[in-house]
N, C-alpha and C. Protein backbone atom coordinates (compact mmCIF):
# COMPACT_ATOMS: atom_id res chain seq x y z
N UNK A 1 122.55 42.10 12.15
CA UNK A 1 123.93 42.40 12.14
C UNK A 1 124.66 41.15 12.65
N UNK A 2 125.81 40.87 12.11
CA UNK A 2 126.56 39.72 12.52
C UNK A 2 127.26 39.93 13.91
N UNK A 3 127.63 38.89 14.54
CA UNK A 3 128.19 39.07 15.94
C UNK A 3 129.49 39.85 16.04
N UNK A 4 130.43 39.54 15.14
CA UNK A 4 131.71 40.20 15.22
C UNK A 4 131.59 41.69 14.94
N UNK A 5 130.90 42.02 13.88
CA UNK A 5 130.71 43.39 13.48
C UNK A 5 129.91 44.11 14.59
N UNK A 6 128.94 43.43 15.11
CA UNK A 6 128.07 44.03 16.19
C UNK A 6 128.96 44.29 17.44
N UNK A 7 129.82 43.38 17.79
CA UNK A 7 130.64 43.48 18.99
C UNK A 7 131.66 44.70 18.82
N UNK A 8 132.25 44.71 17.62
CA UNK A 8 133.20 45.78 17.39
C UNK A 8 132.49 47.18 17.41
N UNK A 9 131.31 47.22 16.78
CA UNK A 9 130.58 48.54 16.76
C UNK A 9 130.22 48.95 18.17
N UNK A 10 129.86 47.94 18.95
CA UNK A 10 129.49 48.25 20.38
C UNK A 10 130.64 48.80 21.18
N UNK A 11 131.82 48.10 21.01
CA UNK A 11 133.04 48.59 21.69
C UNK A 11 133.49 49.97 21.24
N UNK A 12 133.31 50.20 19.95
CA UNK A 12 133.75 51.51 19.42
C UNK A 12 132.63 52.58 19.63
N UNK A 13 131.50 52.17 20.20
CA UNK A 13 130.46 53.07 20.43
C UNK A 13 129.95 53.81 19.18
N UNK A 14 129.82 53.00 18.10
CA UNK A 14 129.36 53.64 16.85
C UNK A 14 128.13 52.89 16.43
N UNK A 15 127.33 53.52 15.65
CA UNK A 15 126.12 52.92 15.13
C UNK A 15 126.44 52.32 13.75
N UNK A 16 126.20 51.01 13.66
CA UNK A 16 126.48 50.28 12.44
C UNK A 16 125.18 49.82 11.84
N UNK A 17 124.70 50.50 10.76
CA UNK A 17 123.42 50.11 10.17
C UNK A 17 123.49 48.69 9.65
N UNK A 18 122.34 48.00 9.70
CA UNK A 18 122.23 46.60 9.28
C UNK A 18 122.75 46.43 7.90
N UNK A 19 122.54 47.40 6.96
CA UNK A 19 122.96 47.25 5.60
C UNK A 19 124.49 47.31 5.43
N UNK A 20 125.20 47.83 6.45
CA UNK A 20 126.68 47.87 6.40
C UNK A 20 127.28 46.75 7.16
N UNK A 21 126.52 46.07 7.99
CA UNK A 21 127.03 45.05 8.86
C UNK A 21 127.68 43.88 8.11
N UNK A 22 127.03 43.45 7.06
CA UNK A 22 127.58 42.28 6.31
C UNK A 22 128.96 42.63 5.71
N UNK A 23 129.05 43.77 5.03
CA UNK A 23 130.35 44.17 4.47
C UNK A 23 131.38 44.37 5.52
N UNK A 24 130.97 44.93 6.66
CA UNK A 24 131.92 45.12 7.77
C UNK A 24 132.36 43.83 8.33
N UNK A 25 131.49 42.84 8.46
CA UNK A 25 131.85 41.52 8.88
C UNK A 25 132.89 40.87 7.96
N UNK A 26 132.68 40.99 6.62
CA UNK A 26 133.60 40.41 5.67
C UNK A 26 134.91 41.06 5.75
N UNK A 27 134.99 42.40 5.91
CA UNK A 27 136.29 43.13 6.07
C UNK A 27 137.02 42.74 7.28
N UNK A 28 136.30 42.63 8.41
CA UNK A 28 136.91 42.20 9.69
C UNK A 28 137.48 40.79 9.54
N UNK A 29 136.76 39.84 8.92
CA UNK A 29 137.28 38.53 8.74
C UNK A 29 138.54 38.50 7.89
N UNK A 30 138.61 39.30 6.82
CA UNK A 30 139.76 39.41 6.02
C UNK A 30 141.02 39.90 6.86
N UNK A 31 140.75 40.89 7.67
CA UNK A 31 141.85 41.41 8.53
C UNK A 31 142.35 40.34 9.49
N UNK A 32 141.36 39.70 10.10
CA UNK A 32 141.75 38.67 11.15
C UNK A 32 142.46 37.47 10.44
N UNK A 33 142.03 37.12 9.27
CA UNK A 33 142.75 36.01 8.53
C UNK A 33 144.16 36.39 8.19
N UNK A 34 144.33 37.67 7.80
CA UNK A 34 145.70 38.19 7.47
C UNK A 34 146.59 38.18 8.72
N UNK A 35 146.06 38.66 9.80
CA UNK A 35 146.80 38.61 11.07
C UNK A 35 147.17 37.19 11.41
N UNK A 36 146.25 36.24 11.22
CA UNK A 36 146.52 34.85 11.53
C UNK A 36 147.65 34.32 10.67
N UNK A 37 147.66 34.78 9.39
CA UNK A 37 148.76 34.34 8.50
C UNK A 37 150.13 34.94 9.02
N UNK A 38 150.13 36.18 9.40
CA UNK A 38 151.33 36.78 9.91
C UNK A 38 151.91 36.11 11.14
N UNK A 39 150.94 35.67 12.04
CA UNK A 39 151.33 34.99 13.20
C UNK A 39 152.00 33.62 12.98
N UNK A 40 151.62 32.99 11.86
CA UNK A 40 152.17 31.70 11.54
C UNK A 40 153.55 31.71 10.88
N UNK A 41 154.05 32.88 10.51
CA UNK A 41 155.37 33.03 9.88
C UNK A 41 156.43 32.67 10.94
N UNK A 42 157.31 31.78 10.62
CA UNK A 42 158.45 31.41 11.46
C UNK A 42 159.71 32.19 11.06
N UNK A 43 160.22 32.97 11.98
CA UNK A 43 161.48 33.77 11.69
C UNK A 43 162.64 33.07 12.36
N UNK A 44 163.80 33.23 11.74
CA UNK A 44 165.01 32.69 12.40
C UNK A 44 165.25 33.42 13.74
N UNK A 45 165.87 32.75 14.67
CA UNK A 45 166.11 33.27 16.03
C UNK A 45 166.99 34.48 16.06
N UNK A 46 167.86 34.72 15.05
CA UNK A 46 168.82 35.79 15.05
C UNK A 46 168.22 37.07 14.42
N UNK A 47 166.97 37.05 14.08
CA UNK A 47 166.36 38.27 13.53
C UNK A 47 165.82 39.16 14.71
N UNK A 48 166.31 40.40 14.75
CA UNK A 48 165.82 41.25 15.86
C UNK A 48 164.55 42.00 15.32
N UNK A 49 163.72 42.37 16.32
CA UNK A 49 162.43 43.11 15.99
C UNK A 49 162.77 44.44 15.34
N UNK A 50 161.86 44.80 14.42
CA UNK A 50 162.00 46.13 13.70
C UNK A 50 161.01 47.05 14.35
N UNK A 51 161.50 48.22 14.86
CA UNK A 51 160.66 49.16 15.53
C UNK A 51 160.39 50.41 14.68
N UNK A 52 161.11 50.69 13.63
CA UNK A 52 160.88 51.87 12.81
C UNK A 52 162.04 52.10 11.89
N UNK A 53 161.78 52.95 10.89
CA UNK A 53 162.81 53.19 9.86
C UNK A 53 163.89 54.07 10.41
N UNK A 54 163.60 54.94 11.34
CA UNK A 54 164.63 55.77 11.94
C UNK A 54 164.75 55.44 13.47
N UNK A 55 165.98 55.60 13.87
CA UNK A 55 166.17 55.32 15.30
C UNK A 55 165.72 56.47 16.14
N UNK A 56 164.93 56.25 17.10
CA UNK A 56 164.47 57.37 17.98
C UNK A 56 165.10 57.25 19.36
N UNK A 57 165.35 58.32 19.93
CA UNK A 57 166.03 58.39 21.22
C UNK A 57 165.18 59.26 22.12
N UNK A 58 164.94 58.79 23.36
CA UNK A 58 164.24 59.65 24.28
C UNK A 58 165.08 60.85 24.68
N UNK A 59 164.39 61.99 24.69
CA UNK A 59 165.06 63.24 25.09
C UNK A 59 164.96 63.41 26.59
N UNK A 60 165.87 62.75 27.28
CA UNK A 60 165.84 62.77 28.78
C UNK A 60 166.83 63.84 29.25
N UNK A 61 166.41 64.61 30.13
CA UNK A 61 167.31 65.62 30.70
C UNK A 61 167.36 65.47 32.21
N UNK A 62 168.37 65.96 32.79
CA UNK A 62 168.55 65.94 34.20
C UNK A 62 167.69 67.00 34.84
N UNK A 63 166.96 66.67 35.87
CA UNK A 63 166.13 67.66 36.59
C UNK A 63 167.07 68.61 37.36
N UNK A 64 166.90 69.88 37.14
CA UNK A 64 167.70 70.85 37.84
C UNK A 64 166.77 71.84 38.61
N UNK A 65 167.07 72.07 39.80
CA UNK A 65 166.27 73.01 40.55
C UNK A 65 166.64 74.41 40.16
N UNK A 66 165.70 75.27 40.02
CA UNK A 66 165.93 76.66 39.65
C UNK A 66 165.18 77.57 40.58
N UNK A 67 165.58 78.73 40.76
CA UNK A 67 164.85 79.67 41.63
C UNK A 67 163.54 79.94 40.97
N UNK A 68 162.52 80.06 41.82
CA UNK A 68 161.19 80.43 41.32
C UNK A 68 160.88 81.88 41.64
N UNK A 69 159.69 82.27 41.16
CA UNK A 69 159.26 83.63 41.48
C UNK A 69 158.78 83.67 42.96
N UNK A 70 159.00 84.83 43.53
CA UNK A 70 158.52 85.02 44.91
C UNK A 70 157.01 85.04 44.93
N UNK A 71 156.44 84.50 45.99
CA UNK A 71 155.01 84.36 46.15
C UNK A 71 154.36 85.77 45.95
N UNK A 72 154.93 86.76 46.57
CA UNK A 72 154.37 88.14 46.47
C UNK A 72 154.31 88.63 45.07
N UNK A 73 155.33 88.32 44.29
CA UNK A 73 155.36 88.72 42.88
C UNK A 73 154.25 88.04 42.05
N UNK A 74 154.02 86.77 42.35
CA UNK A 74 153.02 86.03 41.62
C UNK A 74 151.65 86.52 42.06
N UNK A 75 151.45 86.71 43.35
CA UNK A 75 150.15 87.15 43.81
C UNK A 75 149.80 88.61 43.45
N UNK A 76 150.88 89.35 43.09
CA UNK A 76 150.61 90.76 42.68
C UNK A 76 149.86 90.80 41.36
N UNK A 77 149.86 89.76 40.60
CA UNK A 77 149.08 89.71 39.29
C UNK A 77 147.68 89.18 39.55
N UNK A 78 147.35 88.72 40.68
CA UNK A 78 146.03 88.14 40.92
C UNK A 78 145.00 89.27 41.14
N UNK A 79 143.78 89.12 40.61
CA UNK A 79 142.71 90.11 40.87
C UNK A 79 142.37 90.17 42.33
N UNK A 80 142.52 89.06 43.02
CA UNK A 80 142.20 89.05 44.45
C UNK A 80 143.03 87.99 45.15
N UNK A 81 143.59 88.27 46.31
CA UNK A 81 144.30 87.28 47.06
C UNK A 81 144.24 87.56 48.52
N UNK A 82 144.61 86.57 49.35
CA UNK A 82 144.59 86.83 50.77
C UNK A 82 146.04 87.00 51.29
N UNK A 83 146.97 87.21 50.35
CA UNK A 83 148.40 87.36 50.72
C UNK A 83 149.13 86.09 50.60
N UNK A 84 148.43 84.96 50.61
CA UNK A 84 149.04 83.65 50.50
C UNK A 84 148.53 82.85 49.29
N UNK A 85 147.23 82.99 48.99
CA UNK A 85 146.61 82.29 47.92
C UNK A 85 145.74 83.12 47.05
N UNK A 86 145.51 82.67 45.84
CA UNK A 86 144.54 83.37 44.97
C UNK A 86 143.18 83.22 45.62
N UNK A 87 142.35 84.20 45.47
CA UNK A 87 140.92 84.14 45.91
C UNK A 87 140.06 84.24 44.61
N UNK A 88 139.16 83.20 44.57
CA UNK A 88 138.33 83.08 43.40
C UNK A 88 136.85 83.05 43.88
N UNK A 89 135.93 83.40 42.93
CA UNK A 89 134.53 83.28 43.36
C UNK A 89 134.12 81.87 43.77
N UNK A 90 133.25 81.73 44.73
CA UNK A 90 132.80 80.44 45.19
C UNK A 90 132.05 79.78 44.03
N UNK A 91 132.37 78.42 43.84
CA UNK A 91 131.62 77.69 42.82
C UNK A 91 130.52 76.88 43.39
N UNK A 92 130.74 76.27 44.56
CA UNK A 92 129.72 75.46 45.23
C UNK A 92 129.26 76.10 46.48
N UNK A 93 127.96 75.84 46.85
CA UNK A 93 127.47 76.38 48.09
C UNK A 93 127.75 75.50 49.20
């Protein structure tokens, strides 16, 4: 298996059979050559980066405090409690 394909397969934690390694190596080299071509393109300084076809806006809201349920009301639904906390079966000894 070639080095680049072997390294990528190892990082991706996938098994790359030797019979597929050569084709994978060729495909990876094509991708890397294309990326190298894209990096060499010189754009005018007044061109702004393109982030997507539609403008997205973060849905940010103001945090507002709200009344919560009373502890007694919440614990009334518990199968077992000590009046302050849920009681659950012991997991560790």
